[in-house]
């Protein structure tokens, strides 16, 4: 995921405020990911990369991959909802709260 309009949000916003907002957002996403059995891989700027990892060939069967994909979709929808709890620091922004953009890949490769 990443924050919609992050670059424009950063213009004129003090670095301490931006870091505080990202910390608040990533803390929320971390806790929620754990509740879904999802592991955070890393954060890159405003991006939050995570995965639900299968650890054996037995777990990598098509049915399990589909279940993991469905679980990731549920997590992403929940994350997008929770991001709306974090206030956008730009006073005249169209969105008063953060919005996320998400991408998803499902499969063994």
PDB file of N, CA and C in Angstrom:
ATOM      1  N   UNK A   1       0.843  -1.181   0.000  1.00  0.00           N
ATOM      2  CA  UNK A   1       0.000   0.000   0.000  1.00  0.00           C
ATOM      3  C   UNK A   1       0.887   1.243   0.000  1.00  0.00           C
ATOM      4  N   UNK A   2       0.333   2.341  -0.427  1.00  0.00           N
ATOM      5  CA  UNK A   2       0.975   3.631  -0.232  1.00  0.00           C
ATOM      6  C   UNK A   2      -0.106   4.687  -0.069  1.00  0.00           C
ATOM      7  N   UNK A   3       0.303   5.854   0.400  1.00  0.00           N
ATOM      8  CA  UNK A   3      -0.629   6.937   0.710  1.00  0.00           C
ATOM      9  C   UNK A   3      -0.924   7.732  -0.559  1.00  0.00           C
ATOM     10  N   UNK A   4      -2.187   7.899  -0.864  1.00  0.00           N
ATOM     11  CA  UNK A   4      -2.613   8.698  -2.013  1.00  0.00           C
ATOM     12  C   UNK A   4      -2.269  10.162  -1.741  1.00  0.00           C
ATOM     13  N   UNK A   5      -1.583  10.813  -2.677  1.00  0.00           N
ATOM     14  CA  UNK A   5      -1.242  12.226  -2.538  1.00  0.00           C
ATOM     15  C   UNK A   5      -0.123  12.502  -1.554  1.00  0.00           C
ATOM     16  N   UNK A   6       0.704  11.507  -1.276  1.00  0.00           N
ATOM     17  CA  UNK A   6       1.752  11.661  -0.271  1.00  0.00           C
ATOM     18  C   UNK A   6       2.726  12.784  -0.620  1.00  0.00           C
ATOM     19  N   UNK A   7       3.163  12.852  -1.874  1.00  0.00           N
ATOM     20  CA  UNK A   7       4.139  13.872  -2.272  1.00  0.00           C
ATOM     21  C   UNK A   7       3.586  15.271  -2.055  1.00  0.00           C
ATOM     22  N   UNK A   8       2.361  15.515  -2.479  1.00  0.00           N
ATOM     23  CA  UNK A   8       1.782  16.848  -2.287  1.00  0.00           C
ATOM     24  C   UNK A   8       1.508  17.118  -0.807  1.00  0.00           C
ATOM     25  N   UNK A   9       1.194  16.071  -0.038  1.00  0.00           N
ATOM     26  CA  UNK A   9       0.974  16.235   1.397  1.00  0.00           C
ATOM     27  C   UNK A   9       2.269  16.692   2.080  1.00  0.00           C
ATOM     28  N   UNK A  10       3.402  16.209   1.579  1.00  0.00           N
ATOM     29  CA  UNK A  10       4.690  16.537   2.197  1.00  0.00           C
ATOM     30  C   UNK A  10       5.147  17.968   1.925  1.00  0.00           C
ATOM     31  N   UNK A  11       4.677  18.539   0.821  1.00  0.00           N
ATOM     32  CA  UNK A  11       5.057  19.915   0.495  1.00  0.00           C
ATOM     33  C   UNK A  11       4.520  20.856   1.568  1.00  0.00           C
ATOM     34  N   UNK A  12       5.400  21.539   2.211  1.00  0.00           N
ATOM     35  CA  UNK A  12       4.986  22.520   3.212  1.00  0.00           C
ATOM     36  C   UNK A  12       4.622  21.905   4.557  1.00  0.00           C
ATOM     37  N   UNK A  13       4.747  20.593   4.701  1.00  0.00           N
ATOM     38  CA  UNK A  13       4.473  19.950   5.986  1.00  0.00           C
ATOM     39  C   UNK A  13       5.810  19.642   6.642  1.00  0.00           C
ATOM     40  N   UNK A  14       6.008  20.047   7.883  1.00  0.00           N
ATOM     41  CA  UNK A  14       7.283  19.776   8.557  1.00  0.00           C
ATOM     42  C   UNK A  14       7.583  18.274   8.599  1.00  0.00           C
ATOM     43  N   UNK A  15       8.867  17.939   8.450  1.00  0.00           N
ATOM     44  CA  UNK A  15       9.293  16.533   8.426  1.00  0.00           C
ATOM     45  C   UNK A  15       8.834  15.777   9.671  1.00  0.00           C
ATOM     46  N   UNK A  16       8.890  16.413  10.838  1.00  0.00           N
ATOM     47  CA  UNK A  16       8.463  15.749  12.077  1.00  0.00           C
ATOM     48  C   UNK A  16       6.994  15.336  12.008  1.00  0.00           C
ATOM     49  N   UNK A  17       6.180  16.158  11.374  1.00  0.00           N
ATOM     50  CA  UNK A  17       4.749  15.851  11.236  1.00  0.00           C
ATOM     51  C   UNK A  17       4.563  14.671  10.291  1.00  0.00           C
ATOM     52  N   UNK A  18       5.282  14.682   9.173  1.00  0.00           N
ATOM     53  CA  UNK A  18       5.181  13.580   8.200  1.00  0.00           C
ATOM     54  C   UNK A  18       5.608  12.266   8.852  1.00  0.00           C
ATOM     55  N   UNK A  19       6.716  12.285   9.568  1.00  0.00           N
ATOM     56  CA  UNK A  19       7.205  11.074  10.241  1.00  0.00           C
ATOM     57  C   UNK A  19       6.199  10.600  11.281  1.00  0.00           C
ATOM     58  N   UNK A  20       5.609  11.523  11.995  1.00  0.00           N
ATOM     59  CA  UNK A  20       4.605  11.166  13.001  1.00  0.00           C
ATOM     60  C   UNK A  20       3.387  10.504  12.363  1.00  0.00           C
ATOM     61  N   UNK A  21       2.945  11.042  11.246  1.00  0.00           N
ATOM     62  CA  UNK A  21       1.790  10.473  10.529  1.00  0.00           C
ATOM     63  C   UNK A  21       2.118   9.071  10.015  1.00  0.00           C
ATOM     64  N   UNK A  22       3.301   8.911   9.402  1.00  0.00           N
ATOM     65  CA  UNK A  22       3.685   7.592   8.908  1.00  0.00           C
ATOM     66  C   UNK A  22       3.822   6.592  10.049  1.00  0.00           C
ATOM     67  N   UNK A  23       4.369   7.033  11.173  1.00  0.00           N
ATOM     68  CA  UNK A  23       4.498   6.161  12.330  1.00  0.00           C
ATOM     69  C   UNK A  23       3.125   5.717  12.825  1.00  0.00           C
ATOM     70  N   UNK A  24       2.188   6.655  12.901  1.00  0.00           N
ATOM     71  CA  UNK A  24       0.831   6.318  13.325  1.00  0.00           C
ATOM     72  C   UNK A  24       0.189   5.322  12.361  1.00  0.00           C
ATOM     73  N   UNK A  25       0.290   5.592  11.067  1.00  0.00           N
ATOM     74  CA  UNK A  25      -0.295   4.717  10.050  1.00  0.00           C
ATOM     75  C   UNK A  25       0.341   3.331  10.075  1.00  0.00           C
ATOM     76  N   UNK A  26       1.675   3.272  10.069  1.00  0.00           N
ATOM     77  CA  UNK A  26       2.355   1.983  10.025  1.00  0.00           C
ATOM     78  C   UNK A  26       2.136   1.181  11.295  1.00  0.00           C
ATOM     79  N   UNK A  27       2.004   1.851  12.427  1.00  0.00           N
ATOM     80  CA  UNK A  27       1.703   1.141  13.675  1.00  0.00           C
ATOM     81  C   UNK A  27       0.333   0.463  13.580  1.00  0.00           C
ATOM     82  N   UNK A  28      -0.632   1.171  13.028  1.00  0.00           N
ATOM     83  CA  UNK A  28      -1.980   0.607  12.832  1.00  0.00           C
ATOM     84  C   UNK A  28      -1.910  -0.584  11.879  1.00  0.00           C
ATOM     85  N   UNK A  29      -1.204  -0.414  10.761  1.00  0.00           N
ATOM     86  CA  UNK A  29      -1.102  -1.483   9.767  1.00  0.00           C
ATOM     87  C   UNK A  29      -0.354  -2.698  10.313  1.00  0.00           C
ATOM     88  N   UNK A  30       0.676  -2.462  11.134  1.00  0.00           N
ATOM     89  CA  UNK A  30       1.428  -3.563  11.758  1.00  0.00           C
ATOM     90  C   UNK A  30       0.522  -4.424  12.639  1.00  0.00           C
ATOM     91  N   UNK A  31      -0.215  -3.776  13.519  1.00  0.00           N
ATOM     92  CA  UNK A  31      -1.095  -4.500  14.447  1.00  0.00           C
ATOM     93  C   UNK A  31      -2.156  -5.277  13.673  1.00  0.00           C
ATOM     94  N   UNK A  32      -2.744  -4.624  12.703  1.00  0.00           N
ATOM     95  CA  UNK A  32      -3.796  -5.277  11.919  1.00  0.00           C
ATOM     96  C   UNK A  32      -3.225  -6.450  11.118  1.00  0.00           C
ATOM     97  N   UNK A  33      -2.033  -6.289  10.551  1.00  0.00           N
ATOM     98  CA  UNK A  33      -1.405  -7.375   9.787  1.00  0.00           C
ATOM     99  C   UNK A  33      -1.202  -8.600  10.677  1.00  0.00           C
ATOM    100  N   UNK A  34      -0.731  -8.384  11.884  1.00  0.00           N
ATOM    101  CA  UNK A  34      -0.516  -9.506  12.803  1.00  0.00           C
ATOM    102  C   UNK A  34      -1.810 -10.261  13.076  1.00  0.00           C
ATOM    103  N   UNK A  35      -2.915  -9.533  13.185  1.00  0.00           N
ATOM    104  CA  UNK A  35      -4.192 -10.188  13.482  1.00  0.00           C
ATOM    105  C   UNK A  35      -4.676 -11.056  12.315  1.00  0.00           C
ATOM    106  N   UNK A  36      -4.150 -10.810  11.108  1.00  0.00           N
ATOM    107  CA  UNK A  36      -4.499 -11.605   9.929  1.00  0.00           C
ATOM    108  C   UNK A  36      -3.427 -12.652   9.598  1.00  0.00           C
ATOM    109  N   UNK A  37      -2.384 -12.728  10.420  1.00  0.00           N
ATOM    110  CA  UNK A  37      -1.293 -13.663  10.125  1.00  0.00           C
ATOM    111  C   UNK A  37      -0.451 -13.211   8.951  1.00  0.00           C
ATOM    112  N   UNK A  38      -0.382 -11.907   8.754  1.00  0.00           N
ATOM    113  CA  UNK A  38       0.359 -11.312   7.644  1.00  0.00           C
ATOM    114  C   UNK A  38       1.630 -10.689   8.196  1.00  0.00           C
ATOM    115  N   UNK A  39       2.722 -10.832   7.462  1.00  0.00           N
ATOM    116  CA  UNK A  39       4.013 -10.339   7.919  1.00  0.00           C
ATOM    117  C   UNK A  39       4.422  -9.093   7.136  1.00  0.00           C
ATOM    118  N   UNK A  40       4.820  -8.046   7.879  1.00  0.00           N
ATOM    119  CA  UNK A  40       5.360  -6.859   7.209  1.00  0.00           C
ATOM    120  C   UNK A  40       6.744  -7.215   6.687  1.00  0.00           C
ATOM    121  N   UNK A  41       6.972  -6.944   5.416  1.00  0.00           N
ATOM    122  CA  UNK A  41       8.279  -7.187   4.810  1.00  0.00           C
ATOM    123  C   UNK A  41       9.170  -5.962   5.029  1.00  0.00           C
ATOM    124  N   UNK A  42       8.665  -4.780   4.655  1.00  0.00           N
ATOM    125  CA  UNK A  42       9.403  -3.541   4.886  1.00  0.00           C
ATOM    126  C   UNK A  42       8.528  -2.339   4.570  1.00  0.00           C
ATOM    127  N   UNK A  43       8.977  -1.185   5.010  1.00  0.00           N
ATOM    128  CA  UNK A  43       8.359   0.078   4.611  1.00  0.00           C
ATOM    129  C   UNK A  43       9.388   0.832   3.768  1.00  0.00           C
ATOM    130  N   UNK A  44       8.888   1.494   2.741  1.00  0.00           N
ATOM    131  CA  UNK A  44       9.734   2.271   1.840  1.00  0.00           C
ATOM    132  C   UNK A  44       9.038   3.606   1.658  1.00  0.00           C
ATOM    133  N   UNK A  45       9.535   4.644   2.314  1.00  0.00           N
ATOM    134  CA  UNK A  45       8.846   5.932   2.265  1.00  0.00           C
ATOM    135  C   UNK A  45       7.452   5.776   2.833  1.00  0.00           C
ATOM    136  N   UNK A  46       6.434   6.028   2.015  1.00  0.00           N
ATOM    137  CA  UNK A  46       5.042   5.899   2.466  1.00  0.00           C
ATOM    138  C   UNK A  46       4.450   4.534   2.100  1.00  0.00           C
ATOM    139  N   UNK A  47       5.263   3.634   1.553  1.00  0.00           N
ATOM    140  CA  UNK A  47       4.772   2.318   1.132  1.00  0.00           C
ATOM    141  C   UNK A  47       4.964   1.284   2.247  1.00  0.00           C
ATOM    142  N   UNK A  48       3.986   0.403   2.375  1.00  0.00           N
ATOM    143  CA  UNK A  48       3.984  -0.662   3.377  1.00  0.00           C
ATOM    144  C   UNK A  48       3.867  -1.972   2.614  1.00  0.00           C
ATOM    145  N   UNK A  49       4.936  -2.777   2.623  1.00  0.00           N
ATOM    146  CA  UNK A  49       4.939  -4.039   1.888  1.00  0.00           C
ATOM    147  C   UNK A  49       4.780  -5.187   2.880  1.00  0.00           C
ATOM    148  N   UNK A  50       3.834  -6.071   2.580  1.00  0.00           N
ATOM    149  CA  UNK A  50       3.589  -7.196   3.476  1.00  0.00           C
ATOM    150  C   UNK A  50       3.251  -8.442   2.658  1.00  0.00           C
ATOM    151  N   UNK A  51       3.267  -9.593   3.338  1.00  0.00           N
ATOM    152  CA  UNK A  51       2.986 -10.857   2.654  1.00  0.00           C
ATOM    153  C   UNK A  51       2.411 -11.858   3.639  1.00  0.00           C
ATOM    154  N   UNK A  52       1.662 -12.768   3.095  1.00  0.00           N
ATOM    155  CA  UNK A  52       1.241 -13.950   3.847  1.00  0.00           C
ATOM    156  C   UNK A  52       2.014 -15.090   3.210  1.00  0.00           C
ATOM    157  N   UNK A  53       2.969 -15.612   3.931  1.00  0.00           N
ATOM    158  CA  UNK A  53       3.920 -16.557   3.370  1.00  0.00           C
ATOM    159  C   UNK A  53       3.526 -17.997   3.663  1.00  0.00           C
ATOM    160  N   UNK A  54       3.527 -18.828   2.614  1.00  0.00           N
ATOM    161  CA  UNK A  54       3.371 -20.264   2.810  1.00  0.00           C
ATOM    162  C   UNK A  54       4.769 -20.834   2.961  1.00  0.00           C
ATOM    163  N   UNK A  55       4.933 -21.767   3.875  1.00  0.00           N
ATOM    164  CA  UNK A  55       6.276 -22.223   4.220  1.00  0.00           C
ATOM    165  C   UNK A  55       6.622 -23.608   3.707  1.00  0.00           C
ATOM    166  N   UNK A  56       5.680 -24.291   3.077  1.00  0.00           N
ATOM    167  CA  UNK A  56       6.001 -25.617   2.560  1.00  0.00           C
ATOM    168  C   UNK A  56       5.202 -25.883   1.292  1.00  0.00           C
ATOM    169  N   UNK A  57       5.610 -26.904   0.552  1.00  0.00           N
ATOM    170  CA  UNK A  57       4.881 -27.267  -0.667  1.00  0.00           C
ATOM    171  C   UNK A  57       3.457 -27.693  -0.336  1.00  0.00           C
ATOM    172  N   UNK A  58       3.282 -28.349   0.803  1.00  0.00           N
ATOM    173  CA  UNK A  58       1.958 -28.786   1.221  1.00  0.00           C
ATOM    174  C   UNK A  58       1.019 -27.583   1.383  1.00  0.00           C
ATOM    175  N   UNK A  59       1.528 -26.522   1.983  1.00  0.00           N
ATOM    176  CA  UNK A  59       0.705 -25.327   2.179  1.00  0.00           C
ATOM    177  C   UNK A  59       0.490 -24.559   0.879  1.00  0.00           C
ATOM    178  N   UNK A  60       1.337 -24.777  -0.113  1.00  0.00           N
ATOM    179  CA  UNK A  60       1.268 -24.010  -1.363  1.00  0.00           C
ATOM    180  C   UNK A  60       0.289 -24.606  -2.369  1.00  0.00           C
ATOM    181  N   UNK A  61      -0.613 -25.454  -1.940  1.00  0.00           N
ATOM    182  CA  UNK A  61      -1.635 -25.995  -2.828  1.00  0.00           C
ATOM    183  C   UNK A  61      -2.549 -24.865  -3.279  1.00  0.00           C
ATOM    184  N   UNK A  62      -3.191 -25.043  -4.421  1.00  0.00           N
ATOM    185  CA  UNK A  62      -4.030 -23.987  -4.998  1.00  0.00           C
ATOM    186  C   UNK A  62      -5.088 -23.480  -4.031  1.00  0.00           C
ATOM    187  N   UNK A  63      -5.736 -24.373  -3.297  1.00  0.00           N
ATOM    188  CA  UNK A  63      -6.777 -23.949  -2.361  1.00  0.00           C
ATOM    189  C   UNK A  63      -6.237 -23.043  -1.277  1.00  0.00           C
ATOM    190  N   UNK A  64      -5.049 -23.346  -0.775  1.00  0.00           N
ATOM    191  CA  UNK A  64      -4.443 -22.512   0.264  1.00  0.00           C
ATOM    192  C   UNK A  64      -3.998 -21.169  -0.302  1.00  0.00           C
ATOM    193  N   UNK A  65      -3.492 -21.177  -1.528  1.00  0.00           N
ATOM    194  CA  UNK A  65      -3.083 -19.918  -2.158  1.00  0.00           C
ATOM    195  C   UNK A  65      -4.307 -19.016  -2.333  1.00  0.00           C
ATOM    196  N   UNK A  66      -5.425 -19.590  -2.752  1.00  0.00           N
ATOM    197  CA  UNK A  66      -6.661 -18.810  -2.919  1.00  0.00           C
ATOM    198  C   UNK A  66      -7.130 -18.258  -1.572  1.00  0.00           C
ATOM    199  N   UNK A  67      -7.057 -19.075  -0.517  1.00  0.00           N
ATOM    200  CA  UNK A  67      -7.459 -18.615   0.822  1.00  0.00           C
ATOM    201  C   UNK A  67      -6.554 -17.479   1.295  1.00  0.00           C
ATOM    202  N   UNK A  68      -5.237 -17.632   1.062  1.00  0.00           N
ATOM    203  CA  UNK A  68      -4.303 -16.569   1.441  1.00  0.00           C
ATOM    204  C   UNK A  68      -4.607 -15.286   0.677  1.00  0.00           C
ATOM    205  N   UNK A  69      -4.929 -15.410  -0.614  1.00  0.00           N
ATOM    206  CA  UNK A  69      -5.280 -14.232  -1.417  1.00  0.00           C
ATOM    207  C   UNK A  69      -6.522 -13.553  -0.895  1.00  0.00           C
ATOM    208  N   UNK A  70      -7.533 -14.340  -0.539  1.00  0.00           N
ATOM    209  CA  UNK A  70      -8.771 -13.778   0.010  1.00  0.00           C
ATOM    210  C   UNK A  70      -8.498 -13.083   1.338  1.00  0.00           C
ATOM    211  N   UNK A  71      -7.631 -13.678   2.158  1.00  0.00           N
ATOM    212  CA  UNK A  71      -7.277 -13.069   3.443  1.00  0.00           C
ATOM    213  C   UNK A  71      -6.543 -11.746   3.231  1.00  0.00           C
ATOM    214  N   UNK A  72      -5.664 -11.692   2.235  1.00  0.00           N
ATOM    215  CA  UNK A  72      -4.949 -10.447   1.932  1.00  0.00           C
ATOM    216  C   UNK A  72      -5.919  -9.362   1.474  1.00  0.00           C
ATOM    217  N   UNK A  73      -6.911  -9.736   0.674  1.00  0.00           N
ATOM    218  CA  UNK A  73      -7.906  -8.756   0.231  1.00  0.00           C
ATOM    219  C   UNK A  73      -8.670  -8.211   1.435  1.00  0.00           C
ATOM    220  N   UNK A  74      -9.067  -9.087   2.353  1.00  0.00           N
ATOM    221  CA  UNK A  74      -9.759  -8.633   3.571  1.00  0.00           C
ATOM    222  C   UNK A  74      -8.875  -7.673   4.359  1.00  0.00           C
ATOM    223  N   UNK A  75      -7.597  -8.031   4.493  1.00  0.00           N
ATOM    224  CA  UNK A  75      -6.667  -7.163   5.210  1.00  0.00           C
ATOM    225  C   UNK A  75      -6.542  -5.802   4.520  1.00  0.00           C
ATOM    226  N   UNK A  76      -6.372  -5.803   3.205  1.00  0.00           N
ATOM    227  CA  UNK A  76      -6.217  -4.537   2.481  1.00  0.00           C
ATOM    228  C   UNK A  76      -7.445  -3.645   2.622  1.00  0.00           C
ATOM    229  N   UNK A  77      -8.623  -4.234   2.548  1.00  0.00           N
ATOM    230  CA  UNK A  77      -9.850  -3.445   2.728  1.00  0.00           C
ATOM    231  C   UNK A  77      -9.906  -2.861   4.138  1.00  0.00           C
ATOM    232  N   UNK A  78      -9.527  -3.664   5.126  1.00  0.00           N
ATOM    233  CA  UNK A  78      -9.507  -3.186   6.512  1.00  0.00           C
ATOM    234  C   UNK A  78      -8.458  -2.083   6.677  1.00  0.00           C
ATOM    235  N   UNK A  79      -7.281  -2.265   6.072  1.00  0.00           N
ATOM    236  CA  UNK A  79      -6.222  -1.259   6.154  1.00  0.00           C
ATOM    237  C   UNK A  79      -6.670   0.061   5.538  1.00  0.00           C
ATOM    238  N   UNK A  80      -7.361  -0.016   4.404  1.00  0.00           N
ATOM    239  CA  UNK A  80      -7.852   1.205   3.754  1.00  0.00           C
ATOM    240  C   UNK A  80      -8.865   1.916   4.645  1.00  0.00           C
ATOM    241  N   UNK A  81      -9.693   1.147   5.313  1.00  0.00           N
ATOM    242  CA  UNK A  81     -10.667   1.728   6.247  1.00  0.00           C
ATOM    243  C   UNK A  81      -9.945   2.383   7.432  1.00  0.00           C
ATOM    244  N   UNK A  82      -8.973   1.687   8.010  1.00  0.00           N
ATOM    245  CA  UNK A  82      -8.259   2.209   9.179  1.00  0.00           C
ATOM    246  C   UNK A  82      -7.437   3.449   8.848  1.00  0.00           C
ATOM    247  N   UNK A  83      -6.931   3.547   7.614  1.00  0.00           N
ATOM    248  CA  UNK A  83      -6.152   4.724   7.223  1.00  0.00           C
ATOM    249  C   UNK A  83      -6.998   5.984   7.313  1.00  0.00           C
ATOM    250  N   UNK A  84      -8.287   5.843   7.163  1.00  0.00           N
ATOM    251  CA  UNK A  84      -9.181   7.003   7.241  1.00  0.00           C
ATOM    252  C   UNK A  84      -9.313   7.539   8.661  1.00  0.00           C
ATOM    253  N   UNK A  85      -8.678   6.864   9.619  1.00  0.00           N
ATOM    254  CA  UNK A  85      -8.642   7.351  11.006  1.00  0.00           C
ATOM    255  C   UNK A  85      -7.455   8.280  11.235  1.00  0.00           C
ATOM    256  N   UNK A  86      -6.525   8.335  10.274  1.00  0.00           N
ATOM    257  CA  UNK A  86      -5.327   9.164  10.412  1.00  0.00           C
ATOM    258  C   UNK A  86      -5.565  10.481   9.680  1.00  0.00           C
ATOM    259  N   UNK A  87      -5.469  11.576  10.415  1.00  0.00           N
ATOM    260  CA  UNK A  87      -5.774  12.904   9.869  1.00  0.00           C
ATOM    261  C   UNK A  87      -4.696  13.376   8.896  1.00  0.00           C
ATOM    262  N   UNK A  88      -5.143  13.913   7.762  1.00  0.00           N
ATOM    263  CA  UNK A  88      -4.266  14.537   6.777  1.00  0.00           C
ATOM    264  C   UNK A  88      -3.840  15.900   7.332  1.00  0.00           C
ATOM    265  N   UNK A  89      -2.527  16.194   7.370  1.00  0.00           N
ATOM    266  CA  UNK A  89      -2.072  17.452   7.972  1.00  0.00           C
ATOM    267  C   UNK A  89      -2.288  18.686   7.094  1.00  0.00           C
ATOM    268  N   UNK A  90      -2.655  18.490   5.829  1.00  0.00           N
ATOM    269  CA  UNK A  90      -2.831  19.626   4.923  1.00  0.00           C
ATOM    270  C   UNK A  90      -4.206  20.243   5.175  1.00  0.00           C
ATOM    271  N   UNK A  91      -4.247  21.488   5.647  1.00  0.00           N
ATOM    272  CA  UNK A  91      -5.523  22.096   6.057  1.00  0.00           C
ATOM    273  C   UNK A  91      -6.575  22.189   4.955  1.00  0.00           C
ATOM    274  N   UNK A  92      -6.166  22.466   3.714  1.00  0.00           N
ATOM    275  CA  UNK A  92      -7.148  22.655   2.637  1.00  0.00           C
ATOM    276  C   UNK A  92      -7.233  21.441   1.707  1.00  0.00           C
ATOM    277  N   UNK A  93      -6.804  20.282   2.182  1.00  0.00           N
ATOM    278  CA  UNK A  93      -6.835  19.065   1.361  1.00  0.00           C
ATOM    279  C   UNK A  93      -8.267  18.627   1.100  1.00  0.00           C
ATOM    280  N   UNK A  94      -8.482  18.009  -0.078  1.00  0.00           N
ATOM    281  CA  UNK A  94      -9.802  17.472  -0.396  1.00  0.00           C
ATOM    282  C   UNK A  94     -10.194  16.374   0.590  1.00  0.00           C
ATOM    283  N   UNK A  95      -9.211  15.545   0.953  1.00  0.00           N
ATOM    284  CA  UNK A  95      -9.450  14.476   1.918  1.00  0.00           C
ATOM    285  C   UNK A  95      -8.904  14.889   3.276  1.00  0.00           C
ATOM    286  N   UNK A  96      -9.738  14.920   4.282  1.00  0.00           N
ATOM    287  CA  UNK A  96      -9.298  15.295   5.625  1.00  0.00           C
ATOM    288  C   UNK A  96      -8.553  14.167   6.319  1.00  0.00           C
ATOM    289  N   UNK A  97      -8.692  12.951   5.775  1.00  0.00           N
ATOM    290  CA  UNK A  97      -8.018  11.785   6.335  1.00  0.00           C
ATOM    291  C   UNK A  97      -7.259  11.071   5.229  1.00  0.00           C
ATOM    292  N   UNK A  98      -6.317  10.222   5.602  1.00  0.00           N
ATOM    293  CA  UNK A  98      -5.493   9.539   4.609  1.00  0.00           C
ATOM    294  C   UNK A  98      -6.296   8.522   3.810  1.00  0.00           C
ATOM    295  N   UNK A  99      -5.882   8.335   2.574  1.00  0.00           N
ATOM    296  CA  UNK A  99      -6.425   7.285   1.703  1.00  0.00           C
ATOM    297  C   UNK A  99      -5.242   6.447   1.243  1.00  0.00           C
ATOM    298  N   UNK A 100      -5.475   5.146   1.115  1.00  0.00           N
ATOM    299  CA  UNK A 100      -4.421   4.249   0.652  1.00  0.00           C
ATOM    300  C   UNK A 100      -4.712   3.743  -0.747  1.00  0.00           C
ATOM    301  N   UNK A 101      -3.638   3.452  -1.461  1.00  0.00           N
ATOM    302  CA  UNK A 101      -3.702   2.774  -2.752  1.00  0.00           C
ATOM    303  C   UNK A 101      -3.046   1.408  -2.499  1.00  0.00           C
ATOM    304  N   UNK A 102      -3.629   0.354  -3.034  1.00  0.00           N
ATOM    305  CA  UNK A 102      -3.090  -0.982  -2.753  1.00  0.00           C
ATOM    306  C   UNK A 102      -2.890  -1.784  -4.025  1.00  0.00           C
ATOM    307  N   UNK A 103      -1.879  -2.636  -3.991  1.00  0.00           N
ATOM    308  CA  UNK A 103      -1.621  -3.588  -5.053  1.00  0.00           C
ATOM    309  C   UNK A 103      -1.524  -4.972  -4.428  1.00  0.00           C
ATOM    310  N   UNK A 104      -1.826  -5.991  -5.210  1.00  0.00           N
ATOM    311  CA  UNK A 104      -1.848  -7.350  -4.670  1.00  0.00           C
ATOM    312  C   UNK A 104      -1.353  -8.335  -5.713  1.00  0.00           C
ATOM    313  N   UNK A 105      -0.496  -9.231  -5.277  1.00  0.00           N
ATOM    314  CA  UNK A 105      -0.058 -10.354  -6.112  1.00  0.00           C
ATOM    315  C   UNK A 105      -0.338 -11.630  -5.336  1.00  0.00           C
ATOM    316  N   UNK A 106      -0.952 -12.602  -5.970  1.00  0.00           N
ATOM    317  CA  UNK A 106      -1.242 -13.875  -5.333  1.00  0.00           C
ATOM    318  C   UNK A 106      -0.658 -14.979  -6.185  1.00  0.00           C
ATOM    319  N   UNK A 107       0.049 -15.894  -5.558  1.00  0.00           N
ATOM    320  CA  UNK A 107       0.591 -17.020  -6.273  1.00  0.00           C
ATOM    321  C   UNK A 107       1.972 -17.387  -5.817  1.00  0.00           C
ATOM    322  N   UNK A 108       2.467 -18.501  -6.315  1.00  0.00           N
ATOM    323  CA  UNK A 108       3.755 -18.981  -5.864  1.00  0.00           C
ATOM    324  C   UNK A 108       4.943 -18.210  -6.459  1.00  0.00           C
ATOM    325  N   UNK A 109       4.728 -17.483  -7.537  1.00  0.00           N
ATOM    326  CA  UNK A 109       5.858 -16.771  -8.169  1.00  0.00           C
ATOM    327  C   UNK A 109       5.559 -15.312  -8.357  1.00  0.00           C
TER     328      UNK A 109
END
